[in-house]
Amino acid sequence: MANRQQPSSMPITKYRGYEQVDIPDRTWPHQRITTAPRWLSTDLRDGNQALIDPMSPARKRAMFDLLVKMGYKEIEVGFPASGQTDFDFVRSIIEDPDAIPEDVTISVLTQAREDLIERTVESLKGARRATVHLYNATAPVFRRVVFRGSRDDIKQIAVDGTRLVMEYAEKLLGPETEFGYQYSPEIFTDTELDFALEVCEAVMDTYQPGPGREIILNLPATVERSTPSTHADRFEWMGRNLSRREYVCLSVHPHNDRGTAVAAAELALMAGADRVEGCLFGQGERTGNVDLVTLGMNLFSQGVDPQIDFSDIDEIRRTWEYCNQMEVHPRHPYVGDLVYTSFSGSHQDAIKKGFDAMEAEAAAKGVTVDDIEWAVPYLPIDPKDVGRSYEAVIRVNSQSGKGGIAYVLKNDHKLDLPRRMQIEFSKLIQAKTDAEGGEITPTAIWDVFQDEYLPNPDNPWGRIQVANGQTTTDRDGIDTLTVEATVDGQETTLVGTGNGPISAFFHALQGVGIDVRLLDYQEHTMSEGASAQAASYIECAIGDKVLWGIGIDANTTRASLKAVVSAVNRAAR
């Protein structure tokens, strides 16, 4: 079929395509991510600077403590030369002996000005592990418009800044500090590759990385400008052409301007990056930094340990929302309120069947569900692994089907409805949601179910209520059932015989003018142990109606009789 889209009036002549990388023998498409990278959280720097109201000291500390608890070993804690607030925060966590674990490195950012570098290094006095992160913009538009300098001028800024960091670290930091250095050619995505390489080489010539003296070269997509594949090409090109590569930690710092920061980071790792800088839930300037939670959980979903603890993702979200005074979107991957939720009937049915299949497989193998490979349609991970309960997985509205409703009843109330009963009950819920609109909660579903099938014993409705009953069996196997009952408001004794208690009860009902035929019968236990209850489901033809009934009782015979009464009363309602 022909494409019927028409030209728009958008001013496309203002823009041009991003320059591609000439690397025909690229190898990154054939790579796989099999181990977690080094992570750096910049929530307290890049994330904080993007807030309308930056974090208070208390909220900063809460964020820092969260990052430590989650397992991040490199944390950018601020821009201490930018103001007293950041400087004081860096000092506060260094001077608190319980704040920074021995294996955690704090990082601080600075521009390439001597006064800022001195102040930055000064903030790190007494730290056990600390990295100074120096940056300067290298892209042509910055060289031309902002600095009005040549390539050599811009390169010299990076070299001089590196030298000053080394000098002040030597002067101000004692032997107790394990010092590290990071350099970023800011706006790497708009910088010519040959010039980015030239600047990085000049910085390394100054810093002299070698055995036991690593340098971090961070290549930021300060503004995301290309497809993730082109971004990966640039990383592979840099990795191939950098000298002293074995002493370089190549770091990726994507922003999300095109909405592909996560993909850009993953492909950069495939192309040789060693380290990822980002923020929880993608906080950051404009459209945000790459989302460290999504990246980590993507690894987890592929069987790769992210080496970060996401097991209580709602607590992580609550702390993040408190610190940032923002809310996580309900559709945000892995954490949003709706991401493990299905409204569609076909989706719900598939999810329910997936859970059932996993339970059956685990039972057959004699193991728990946690011991077998996760395989549930529409759920890429087990919500329980991140602290979510199954209660929120199925949500019911007018688009939902029997699968979701059946899931709620089985998960919340241990009732495994037969398929035809699922269809019958789903029509009742469908009518309710069509009439009222919106979502119906699990509590409301249960209220409808009880009212329809399990009348309140304190306020019963229907033609029949049964009390005590007993069954005797003769030598020919014929059962005689005697039941104390109330029929149409009159107390009476029902007596019937048959091949089993249900058949006998049907004959007893015929004595009061109720003709019932059995179409289907199923039962199951609802729990284990001496006090376990059973659920009985009976499909009956009552006059010209076919209806299901349910009975719940510790005694399976009484449960069956209650199920018959449930169906009979529904027929007369």
Protein backbone atom coordinates (compact mmCIF):
# COMPACT_ATOMS: atom_id res chain seq x y z
CA MET A 1 0.00 0.00 0.00
CA ALA A 2 1.28 3.45 -0.88
CA ASN A 3 2.31 5.84 1.88
CA ARG A 4 -0.42 8.48 2.00
CA GLN A 5 1.38 10.83 4.39
CA GLN A 6 1.67 14.38 3.08
CA PRO A 7 4.53 16.90 3.47
CA SER A 8 4.21 18.99 6.61
CA SER A 9 4.76 22.71 7.04
CA MET A 10 7.58 22.13 9.54
CA PRO A 11 10.78 24.15 8.78
CA ILE A 12 12.95 21.13 8.05
CA THR A 13 15.52 23.16 6.08
CA LYS A 14 16.83 24.53 9.40
CA TYR A 15 18.27 21.12 10.28
CA ARG A 16 20.59 18.54 8.80
CA GLY A 17 21.35 14.90 9.37
CA TYR A 18 23.97 13.85 11.90
CA GLU A 19 27.37 12.93 10.50
CA GLN A 20 27.97 9.21 10.33
CA VAL A 21 31.16 7.40 11.36
CA ASP A 22 33.22 5.63 8.70
CA ILE A 23 33.73 2.32 10.46
CA PRO A 24 32.62 -0.46 8.06
CA ASP A 25 34.27 -3.19 10.15
CA ARG A 26 32.44 -2.24 13.35
CA THR A 27 32.25 -5.10 15.82
CA TRP A 28 29.82 -3.84 18.45
CA PRO A 29 26.66 -5.28 16.81
CA HIS A 30 28.00 -8.77 17.55
CA GLN A 31 28.75 -8.13 21.22
CA ARG A 32 26.60 -8.98 24.24
CA ILE A 33 26.47 -7.37 27.66
CA THR A 34 27.27 -10.20 30.07
CA THR A 35 28.50 -8.27 33.12
CA ALA A 36 27.46 -5.08 34.84
CA PRO A 37 29.49 -1.96 34.04
CA ARG A 38 30.86 0.41 36.61
CA TRP A 39 28.08 2.77 37.61
CA LEU A 40 28.28 6.41 38.65
CA SER A 41 25.22 8.18 40.00
CA THR A 42 25.13 11.89 39.32
CA ASP A 43 21.79 12.45 41.07
CA LEU A 44 23.42 14.84 43.53
CA ARG A 45 25.08 16.89 40.81
CA ASP A 46 23.52 16.63 37.34
CA GLY A 47 20.18 15.60 38.79
CA ASN A 48 20.13 18.20 41.55
CA GLN A 49 21.12 21.10 39.29
CA ALA A 50 18.09 20.39 37.08
CA LEU A 51 15.56 20.85 39.89
CA ILE A 52 13.45 23.99 40.14
CA ASP A 53 14.13 23.90 43.88
CA PRO A 54 17.46 22.12 44.49
CA MET A 55 17.63 19.63 47.32
CA SER A 56 18.03 20.82 50.87
CA PRO A 57 20.98 19.39 52.85
CA ALA A 58 18.64 16.87 54.49
CA ARG A 59 17.26 15.70 51.16
CA LYS A 60 20.77 15.49 49.70
CA ARG A 61 21.83 13.28 52.57
CA ALA A 62 18.77 11.08 52.13
CA MET A 63 19.64 10.67 48.45
CA PHE A 64 23.28 9.90 49.22
CA ASP A 65 22.30 7.30 51.82
CA LEU A 66 19.89 5.71 49.34
CA LEU A 67 22.57 5.44 46.66
CA VAL A 68 24.99 3.86 49.12
CA LYS A 69 22.33 1.41 50.31
CA MET A 70 21.54 0.41 46.73
CA GLY A 71 25.19 -0.41 46.13
CA TYR A 72 26.57 2.41 43.99
CA LYS A 73 30.34 2.61 44.44
CA GLU A 74 30.94 5.85 42.52
CA ILE A 75 28.76 8.83 43.41
CA GLU A 76 29.13 12.35 42.08
CA VAL A 77 28.24 14.41 45.13
CA GLY A 78 28.25 17.95 43.79
CA PHE A 79 29.89 20.95 42.20
CA PRO A 80 31.56 22.35 45.34
CA ALA A 81 33.03 25.43 43.66
CA SER A 82 29.58 26.53 42.47
CA GLY A 83 28.49 27.70 45.91
CA GLN A 84 28.71 27.21 49.64
CA THR A 85 25.78 24.77 49.76
CA ASP A 86 27.48 22.13 47.62
CA PHE A 87 30.83 22.72 49.32
CA ASP A 88 29.30 22.27 52.76
CA PHE A 89 27.52 19.08 51.73
CA VAL A 90 30.74 17.52 50.45
CA ARG A 91 32.46 18.45 53.70
CA SER A 92 29.58 17.07 55.78
CA ILE A 93 29.75 13.56 54.35
CA ILE A 94 33.56 13.48 54.47
CA GLU A 95 33.58 14.56 58.11
CA ASP A 96 30.87 12.05 59.07
CA PRO A 97 32.79 8.80 59.68
CA ASP A 98 29.67 6.72 59.00
CA ALA A 99 28.59 8.39 55.76
CA ILE A 100 30.95 7.06 53.09
CA PRO A 101 31.80 3.34 53.11
CA GLU A 102 35.44 2.46 52.50
CA ASP A 103 34.72 1.06 49.04
CA VAL A 104 32.75 4.10 47.80
CA THR A 105 34.44 6.82 45.76
CA ILE A 106 32.94 10.29 45.78
CA SER A 107 33.35 12.48 42.72
CA VAL A 108 33.15 16.26 42.34
CA LEU A 109 32.83 18.34 39.18
CA THR A 110 34.75 21.44 38.20
CA GLN A 111 35.31 23.69 35.23
CA ALA A 112 38.84 24.34 34.01
CA ARG A 113 39.48 27.57 35.96
CA GLU A 114 42.21 27.73 38.58
CA ASP A 115 40.12 29.29 41.35
CA LEU A 116 37.38 26.72 40.84
CA ILE A 117 39.84 23.84 40.73
CA GLU A 118 41.49 24.94 43.97
CA ARG A 119 38.15 25.25 45.74
CA THR A 120 37.04 21.88 44.38
CA VAL A 121 40.13 20.03 45.57
CA GLU A 122 39.94 21.81 48.91
CA SER A 123 36.46 20.33 49.46
CA LEU A 124 37.96 16.82 49.32
CA LYS A 125 40.41 17.12 52.21
CA GLY A 126 40.30 14.01 54.35
CA ALA A 127 38.33 11.88 51.89
CA ARG A 128 39.38 8.23 51.60
CA ARG A 129 38.56 7.90 47.90
CA ALA A 130 37.86 10.91 45.69
CA THR A 131 37.79 11.81 42.01
CA VAL A 132 37.98 15.27 40.50
CA HIS A 133 35.98 15.50 37.29
CA LEU A 134 37.16 18.29 34.98
CA TYR A 135 35.34 19.27 31.81
CA ASN A 136 35.47 21.83 29.04
CA ALA A 137 33.32 22.16 25.93
CA THR A 138 35.04 21.08 22.72
CA ALA A 139 32.33 21.30 20.03
CA PRO A 140 32.72 23.70 17.07
CA VAL A 141 29.76 25.89 18.02
CA PHE A 142 31.28 26.45 21.47
CA ARG A 143 34.71 27.13 20.02
CA ARG A 144 33.21 29.63 17.61
CA VAL A 145 30.44 31.28 19.65
CA VAL A 146 31.29 30.86 23.34
CA PHE A 147 35.10 30.80 23.55
CA ARG A 148 35.99 32.29 20.17
CA GLY A 149 39.09 30.15 20.15
CA SER A 150 40.90 27.71 17.91
CA ARG A 151 41.25 23.97 18.37
CA ASP A 152 44.62 24.53 20.00
CA ASP A 153 43.12 27.07 22.39
CA ILE A 154 40.43 24.62 23.52
CA LYS A 155 42.92 21.78 23.85
CA GLN A 156 45.15 23.98 25.99
CA ILE A 157 42.26 24.66 28.37
CA ALA A 158 41.96 20.91 28.96
CA VAL A 159 45.72 20.47 29.39
CA ASP A 160 46.09 23.41 31.77
CA GLY A 161 43.07 22.30 33.77
CA THR A 162 44.48 18.79 34.12
CA ARG A 163 47.83 20.15 35.27
CA LEU A 164 46.16 22.38 37.86
CA VAL A 165 44.09 19.50 39.23
CA MET A 166 47.28 17.48 39.66
CA GLU A 167 49.10 20.37 41.34
CA TYR A 168 46.33 21.16 43.80
CA ALA A 169 45.74 17.49 44.59
CA GLU A 170 49.44 17.17 45.42
CA LYS A 171 49.32 20.35 47.50
CA LEU A 172 46.03 19.97 49.38
CA LEU A 173 45.30 16.25 49.69
CA GLY A 174 47.18 14.01 52.08
CA PRO A 175 48.29 10.41 51.69
CA GLU A 176 45.03 9.21 53.24
CA THR A 177 43.20 10.11 50.02
CA GLU A 178 43.17 7.70 47.10
CA PHE A 179 42.89 10.28 44.34
CA GLY A 180 41.40 9.77 40.88
CA TYR A 181 40.98 11.96 37.83
CA GLN A 182 38.24 12.19 35.22
CA TYR A 183 38.13 14.31 32.10
CA SER A 184 35.12 15.02 29.85
CA PRO A 185 35.26 16.67 26.42
CA GLU A 186 31.90 18.34 26.97
CA ILE A 187 29.47 18.19 24.02
CA PHE A 188 31.35 15.11 22.74
CA THR A 189 28.40 14.30 20.48
CA ASP A 190 28.96 17.51 18.49
CA THR A 191 32.76 17.38 18.59
CA GLU A 192 34.71 16.09 15.59
CA LEU A 193 36.03 12.63 16.46
CA ASP A 194 39.59 13.42 15.49
CA PHE A 195 39.58 16.49 17.71
CA ALA A 196 37.97 14.67 20.65
CA LEU A 197 40.74 12.10 20.35
CA GLU A 198 43.40 14.80 20.10
CA VAL A 199 42.18 16.51 23.28
CA CYS A 200 41.93 13.24 25.21
CA GLU A 201 45.45 12.28 24.15
CA ALA A 202 46.78 15.67 25.26
CA VAL A 203 45.07 15.25 28.64
CA MET A 204 46.60 11.78 29.01
CA ASP A 205 50.03 13.10 28.06
CA THR A 206 49.67 15.51 30.98
CA TYR A 207 48.19 13.11 33.52
CA GLN A 208 50.34 10.13 32.47
CA PRO A 209 48.06 7.18 33.22
CA GLY A 210 49.75 3.84 33.70
CA PRO A 211 49.82 0.82 36.01
CA GLY A 212 47.94 1.76 39.18
CA ARG A 213 47.12 5.20 37.75
CA GLU A 214 43.82 5.02 35.86
CA ILE A 215 42.25 7.93 34.03
CA ILE A 216 38.51 8.14 33.40
CA LEU A 217 37.66 9.56 30.00
CA ASN A 218 33.97 10.39 29.95
CA LEU A 219 32.39 11.01 26.53
CA PRO A 220 29.10 12.80 27.23
CA ALA A 221 26.11 13.01 24.95
CA THR A 222 25.45 16.35 26.61
CA VAL A 223 22.72 16.77 24.02
CA GLU A 224 21.55 13.57 22.37
CA ARG A 225 21.97 14.13 18.64
CA SER A 226 22.11 10.79 16.86
CA THR A 227 20.69 7.31 16.76
CA PRO A 228 22.08 4.92 19.40
CA SER A 229 23.87 2.99 16.66
CA THR A 230 25.83 6.05 15.54
CA HIS A 231 26.64 6.79 19.18
CA ALA A 232 28.02 3.26 19.46
CA ASP A 233 30.11 3.78 16.33
CA ARG A 234 31.71 6.84 17.93
CA PHE A 235 32.56 4.87 21.05
CA GLU A 236 34.07 2.00 19.11
CA TRP A 237 36.13 4.47 17.05
CA MET A 238 37.43 6.20 20.19
CA GLY A 239 38.21 2.92 21.89
CA ARG A 240 40.17 1.69 18.88
CA ASN A 241 42.20 4.87 18.52
CA LEU A 242 42.98 5.84 22.11
CA SER A 243 46.51 5.07 23.20
CA ARG A 244 47.07 3.53 26.64
CA ARG A 245 43.59 2.04 26.42
CA GLU A 246 44.32 -0.48 29.17
CA TYR A 247 44.72 2.40 31.63
CA VAL A 248 41.58 4.21 30.50
CA CYS A 249 38.12 3.76 31.96
CA LEU A 250 35.91 4.76 29.04
CA SER A 251 32.71 6.25 30.40
CA VAL A 252 29.36 7.00 28.73
CA HIS A 253 27.08 9.83 29.87
CA PRO A 254 23.94 9.94 27.69
CA HIS A 255 21.16 12.47 27.89
CA ASN A 256 17.68 11.68 26.65
CA ASP A 257 16.89 14.48 24.17
CA ARG A 258 15.86 12.00 21.46
CA GLY A 259 14.31 9.56 23.95
CA THR A 260 16.93 6.86 23.37
CA ALA A 261 19.41 7.39 26.20
CA VAL A 262 19.01 3.86 27.56
CA ALA A 263 19.61 2.32 24.14
CA ALA A 264 22.57 4.66 23.57
CA ALA A 265 24.14 3.55 26.85
CA GLU A 266 23.57 -0.15 26.14
CA LEU A 267 25.04 0.06 22.65
CA ALA A 268 27.99 2.08 23.95
CA LEU A 269 28.68 -0.73 26.43
CA MET A 270 28.60 -3.18 23.53
CA ALA A 271 31.05 -0.86 21.75
CA GLY A 272 33.54 -0.97 24.61
CA ALA A 273 32.44 1.51 27.28
CA ASP A 274 33.39 0.47 30.80
CA ARG A 275 31.26 2.79 32.89
CA VAL A 276 27.86 4.52 32.83
CA GLU A 277 26.96 7.86 34.37
CA GLY A 278 23.30 8.63 34.96
CA CYS A 279 20.52 9.31 37.44
CA LEU A 280 17.79 7.29 39.08
CA PHE A 281 14.63 7.39 36.97
CA GLY A 282 16.33 9.60 34.36
CA GLN A 283 16.41 12.84 36.33
CA GLY A 284 18.56 15.60 34.80
CA GLU A 285 18.65 18.66 32.58
CA ARG A 286 15.95 19.04 29.89
CA THR A 287 14.76 15.50 29.11
CA GLY A 288 17.08 14.01 31.71
CA ASN A 289 20.11 11.79 32.03
CA VAL A 290 20.08 8.12 31.22
CA ASP A 291 17.96 6.19 33.72
CA LEU A 292 20.17 4.00 35.90
CA VAL A 293 17.17 2.04 37.18
CA THR A 294 16.00 1.04 33.71
CA LEU A 295 19.55 0.16 32.67
CA GLY A 296 20.11 -1.98 35.74
CA MET A 297 16.75 -3.71 35.52
CA ASN A 298 17.26 -4.37 31.81
CA LEU A 299 20.38 -6.32 32.76
CA PHE A 300 18.51 -8.13 35.51
CA SER A 301 15.74 -9.15 33.10
CA GLN A 302 18.41 -10.79 30.90
CA GLY A 303 19.92 -12.79 33.74
CA VAL A 304 22.83 -10.38 34.31
CA ASP A 305 23.41 -9.19 37.88
CA PRO A 306 23.33 -5.36 37.83
CA GLN A 307 25.22 -5.37 41.14
CA ILE A 308 22.70 -2.80 42.38
CA ASP A 309 19.86 -3.69 44.75
CA PHE A 310 16.44 -2.89 43.27
CA SER A 311 14.57 -5.38 45.47
CA ASP A 312 12.44 -2.67 47.14
CA ILE A 313 11.77 -0.46 44.16
CA ASP A 314 8.85 1.33 45.78
CA GLU A 315 11.03 2.46 48.69
CA ILE A 316 13.61 3.69 46.17
CA ARG A 317 10.87 5.62 44.41
CA ARG A 318 9.49 7.09 47.64
CA THR A 319 12.93 8.34 48.68
CA TRP A 320 13.61 9.71 45.19
CA GLU A 321 10.28 11.55 45.14
CA TYR A 322 10.96 13.04 48.57
CA CYS A 323 14.45 14.18 47.59
CA ASN A 324 13.51 15.60 44.18
CA GLN A 325 10.00 16.79 45.05
CA MET A 326 8.84 15.20 41.80
CA GLU A 327 6.71 12.19 40.93
CA VAL A 328 7.66 9.12 38.93
CA HIS A 329 5.39 8.65 35.91
CA PRO A 330 2.90 5.77 36.30
CA ARG A 331 4.20 4.24 33.04
CA HIS A 332 7.89 4.53 33.97
CA PRO A 333 9.64 1.21 33.24
CA TYR A 334 9.91 -1.21 36.17
CA VAL A 335 8.65 1.24 38.82
CA GLY A 336 5.53 3.11 37.67
CA ASP A 337 2.21 2.29 39.29
CA LEU A 338 0.86 0.74 36.09
CA VAL A 339 3.86 -1.10 34.61
CA TYR A 340 2.92 -4.52 36.01
CA THR A 341 -0.77 -3.91 35.36
CA SER A 342 -2.97 -5.21 32.59
CA PHE A 343 -6.46 -3.94 31.77
CA SER A 344 -6.89 -5.80 28.47
CA GLY A 345 -8.89 -8.99 28.77
CA SER A 346 -6.65 -11.02 26.44
CA HIS A 347 -3.55 -9.85 28.29
CA GLN A 348 -5.08 -10.76 31.64
CA ASP A 349 -6.04 -14.20 30.40
CA ALA A 350 -2.51 -14.82 29.15
CA ILE A 351 -0.99 -13.62 32.44
CA LYS A 352 -3.27 -15.89 34.46
CA LYS A 353 -2.42 -18.88 32.29
CA GLY A 354 1.27 -18.03 32.58
CA PHE A 355 1.11 -18.03 36.37
CA ASP A 356 -0.84 -21.30 36.33
CA ALA A 357 1.69 -22.93 34.00
CA MET A 358 4.63 -21.87 36.17
CA GLU A 359 2.95 -23.21 39.30
CA ALA A 360 2.26 -26.51 37.54
CA GLU A 361 5.84 -26.78 36.27
CA ALA A 362 7.27 -26.02 39.70
CA ALA A 363 4.99 -28.58 41.33
CA ALA A 364 5.99 -31.23 38.78
CA LYS A 365 9.67 -30.59 39.49
CA GLY A 366 9.17 -30.46 43.25
CA VAL A 367 10.58 -26.94 43.52
CA THR A 368 9.23 -23.46 44.11
CA VAL A 369 8.24 -21.05 41.35
CA ASP A 370 11.35 -18.99 42.19
CA ASP A 371 13.53 -21.95 41.18
CA ILE A 372 12.39 -22.12 37.56
CA GLU A 373 12.85 -19.77 34.63
CA TRP A 374 10.40 -16.87 34.59
CA ALA A 375 7.94 -17.16 31.70
CA VAL A 376 4.73 -15.18 32.11
CA PRO A 377 3.26 -13.32 29.12
CA TYR A 378 3.35 -9.52 29.28
CA LEU A 379 5.50 -9.47 32.43
CA PRO A 380 9.22 -9.23 31.56
CA ILE A 381 10.17 -9.80 35.20
CA ASP A 382 8.53 -11.24 38.29
CA PRO A 383 7.05 -8.19 40.08
CA LYS A 384 7.85 -9.88 43.39
CA ASP A 385 11.58 -9.53 42.63
CA VAL A 386 11.32 -5.76 43.03
CA GLY A 387 9.02 -5.86 46.02
CA ARG A 388 5.74 -5.59 44.17
CA SER A 389 2.85 -7.86 45.11
CA TYR A 390 0.72 -9.67 42.57
CA GLU A 391 -2.33 -7.77 43.79
CA ALA A 392 -1.62 -4.89 41.42
CA VAL A 393 -0.85 -7.02 38.37
CA ILE A 394 -4.44 -7.37 37.17
CA ARG A 395 -6.67 -4.31 36.99
CA VAL A 396 -10.22 -4.55 35.72
CA ASN A 397 -12.17 -2.07 33.60
CA SER A 398 -14.65 -2.27 30.73
CA GLN A 399 -11.92 -3.64 28.43
CA SER A 400 -11.07 -6.51 30.73
CA GLY A 401 -12.08 -10.12 30.26
CA LYS A 402 -12.61 -13.22 32.31
CA GLY A 403 -8.89 -13.88 32.77
CA GLY A 404 -8.23 -10.79 34.83
CA ILE A 405 -11.33 -11.23 36.96
CA ALA A 406 -10.51 -14.88 37.55
CA TYR A 407 -6.97 -13.92 38.49
CA VAL A 408 -8.21 -11.51 41.16
CA LEU A 409 -10.46 -14.17 42.69
CA LYS A 410 -7.76 -16.83 42.64
CA ASN A 411 -4.95 -14.63 43.87
CA ASP A 412 -6.89 -12.77 46.55
CA HIS A 413 -9.47 -15.35 47.62
CA LYS A 414 -8.08 -18.74 46.52
CA LEU A 415 -11.09 -19.42 44.29
CA ASP A 416 -10.13 -21.13 41.03
CA LEU A 417 -13.32 -20.67 39.01
CA PRO A 418 -14.15 -23.18 36.25
CA ARG A 419 -13.88 -21.68 32.80
CA ARG A 420 -17.62 -21.44 32.11
CA MET A 421 -18.16 -19.86 35.52
CA GLN A 422 -15.44 -17.32 34.67
CA ILE A 423 -17.42 -16.39 31.57
CA GLU A 424 -20.66 -16.12 33.54
CA PHE A 425 -19.19 -13.90 36.26
CA SER A 426 -17.19 -11.73 33.84
CA LYS A 427 -20.48 -10.72 32.19
CA LEU A 428 -21.69 -9.39 35.55
CA ILE A 429 -18.52 -7.36 36.01
CA GLN A 430 -18.68 -6.16 32.41
CA ALA A 431 -22.20 -4.88 32.97
CA LYS A 432 -21.09 -3.06 36.11
CA THR A 433 -18.08 -1.38 34.49
CA ASP A 434 -20.11 -0.45 31.39
CA ALA A 435 -22.72 1.17 33.60
CA GLU A 436 -20.37 2.97 35.97
CA GLY A 437 -17.27 3.49 33.79
CA GLY A 438 -13.67 3.48 34.95
CA GLU A 439 -11.80 0.81 36.84
CA ILE A 440 -13.30 -1.65 39.29
CA THR A 441 -11.11 -2.54 42.25
CA PRO A 442 -10.43 -6.07 43.51
CA THR A 443 -12.48 -5.23 46.61
CA ALA A 444 -15.44 -4.23 44.46
CA ILE A 445 -15.10 -7.42 42.39
CA TRP A 446 -15.26 -9.46 45.55
CA ASP A 447 -18.30 -7.54 46.77
CA VAL A 448 -20.12 -8.32 43.52
CA PHE A 449 -19.09 -11.97 43.72
CA GLN A 450 -20.28 -12.36 47.30
CA ASP A 451 -23.58 -10.66 46.60
CA GLU A 452 -24.19 -12.86 43.57
CA TYR A 453 -22.95 -16.25 44.78
CA LEU A 454 -22.33 -16.12 48.55
CA PRO A 455 -25.14 -14.26 50.30
CA ASN A 456 -24.31 -12.85 53.70
CA PRO A 457 -25.51 -15.44 56.27
CA ASP A 458 -26.67 -12.59 58.51
CA ASN A 459 -28.82 -11.16 55.72
CA PRO A 460 -29.61 -14.05 53.38
CA TRP A 461 -31.68 -13.83 50.23
CA GLY A 462 -33.19 -16.51 48.01
CA ARG A 463 -35.82 -19.24 48.30
CA ILE A 464 -33.71 -21.67 50.29
CA GLN A 465 -31.41 -21.57 53.27
CA VAL A 466 -30.01 -24.83 54.64
CA ALA A 467 -28.88 -25.57 58.18
CA ASN A 468 -27.86 -28.98 59.50
CA GLY A 469 -27.98 -32.12 57.42
CA GLN A 470 -26.93 -35.74 57.59
CA THR A 471 -26.39 -38.53 55.12
CA THR A 472 -26.80 -42.28 55.53
CA THR A 473 -25.81 -44.94 53.01
CA ASP A 474 -27.50 -48.32 52.65
CA ARG A 475 -25.91 -51.59 51.63
CA ASP A 476 -26.61 -50.86 47.96
CA GLY A 477 -24.72 -47.56 48.08
CA ILE A 478 -27.83 -45.39 47.94
CA ASP A 479 -27.56 -42.21 50.01
CA THR A 480 -30.40 -40.72 52.00
CA LEU A 481 -29.99 -37.05 52.79
CA THR A 482 -31.93 -35.24 55.49
CA VAL A 483 -31.53 -31.46 55.63
CA GLU A 484 -33.05 -28.87 57.94
CA ALA A 485 -33.94 -25.96 55.68
CA THR A 486 -36.00 -22.84 55.21
CA VAL A 487 -37.94 -22.77 51.93
CA ASP A 488 -39.81 -19.61 50.97
CA GLY A 489 -39.64 -18.47 54.58
CA GLN A 490 -41.02 -21.71 56.03
CA GLU A 491 -38.88 -24.07 58.10
CA THR A 492 -39.02 -27.62 56.80
CA THR A 493 -37.11 -30.86 56.57
CA LEU A 494 -35.98 -31.95 53.13
CA VAL A 495 -35.41 -35.65 52.51
CA GLY A 496 -34.11 -37.23 49.34
CA THR A 497 -32.27 -40.29 48.08
CA GLY A 498 -29.78 -40.69 45.31
CA ASN A 499 -26.41 -41.89 44.13
CA GLY A 500 -24.42 -39.52 46.33
CA PRO A 501 -25.31 -36.48 48.45
CA ILE A 502 -25.77 -34.11 45.50
CA SER A 503 -28.15 -36.47 43.70
CA ALA A 504 -30.06 -37.00 46.96
CA PHE A 505 -30.33 -33.24 47.46
CA PHE A 506 -31.69 -32.79 43.94
CA HIS A 507 -34.43 -35.33 44.71
CA ALA A 508 -35.17 -33.58 48.01
CA LEU A 509 -35.62 -30.28 46.16
CA GLN A 510 -38.06 -31.90 43.76
CA GLY A 511 -40.29 -32.45 46.78
CA VAL A 512 -40.75 -28.67 47.11
CA GLY A 513 -41.22 -28.08 43.40
CA ILE A 514 -37.66 -27.23 42.39
CA ASP A 515 -36.37 -29.20 39.40
CA VAL A 516 -32.57 -29.19 39.20
CA ARG A 517 -30.25 -31.06 36.83
CA LEU A 518 -26.48 -31.33 37.28
CA LEU A 519 -24.35 -30.19 34.33
CA ASP A 520 -20.88 -29.83 35.84
CA TYR A 521 -19.21 -30.17 39.21
CA GLN A 522 -15.71 -29.18 40.32
CA GLU A 523 -14.07 -28.70 43.69
CA HIS A 524 -10.69 -27.86 45.19
CA THR A 525 -9.16 -27.17 48.57
CA MET A 526 -8.45 -23.53 49.33
CA SER A 527 -5.57 -24.15 51.74
CA GLU A 528 -3.70 -26.90 53.54
CA GLY A 529 -3.98 -28.22 57.07
CA ALA A 530 -6.69 -29.49 59.39
CA SER A 531 -8.72 -26.30 59.11
CA ALA A 532 -8.60 -26.18 55.32
CA GLN A 533 -11.75 -25.21 53.50
CA ALA A 534 -13.04 -26.55 50.22
CA ALA A 535 -14.72 -24.70 47.39
CA SER A 536 -17.36 -26.51 45.34
CA TYR A 537 -18.64 -25.24 42.00
CA ILE A 538 -21.84 -26.65 40.50
CA GLU A 539 -23.38 -25.82 37.14
CA CYS A 540 -27.10 -26.54 37.15
CA ALA A 541 -30.03 -26.44 34.77
CA ILE A 542 -32.89 -24.95 36.77
CA GLY A 543 -36.00 -24.67 34.65
CA ASP A 544 -34.88 -22.86 31.51
CA LYS A 545 -31.84 -21.29 33.18
CA VAL A 546 -28.26 -22.56 33.34
CA LEU A 547 -26.40 -21.10 36.29
CA TRP A 548 -23.40 -21.71 38.47
CA GLY A 549 -23.35 -21.85 42.23
CA ILE A 550 -20.51 -21.97 44.72
CA GLY A 551 -20.23 -23.29 48.24
CA ILE A 552 -17.38 -22.93 50.71
CA ASP A 553 -17.07 -25.12 53.79
CA ALA A 554 -14.57 -27.19 55.72
CA ASN A 555 -16.74 -30.22 54.87
CA THR A 556 -16.81 -31.05 51.16
CA THR A 557 -20.37 -32.42 51.31
CA ARG A 558 -21.69 -29.27 52.94
CA ALA A 559 -19.73 -27.19 50.42
CA SER A 560 -21.48 -29.09 47.60
CA LEU A 561 -24.92 -28.56 49.09
CA LYS A 562 -24.21 -24.86 49.55
CA ALA A 563 -23.19 -24.67 45.88
CA VAL A 564 -26.53 -26.17 44.82
CA VAL A 565 -28.39 -23.70 47.03
CA SER A 566 -26.33 -20.86 45.54
CA ALA A 567 -27.40 -21.81 42.01
CA VAL A 568 -31.04 -22.39 42.95
CA ASN A 569 -31.33 -19.07 44.75
CA ARG A 570 -29.73 -17.25 41.84
CA ALA A 571 -32.31 -18.77 39.49
CA ALA A 572 -35.15 -17.41 41.61
CA ARG A 573 -33.60 -13.99 42.18
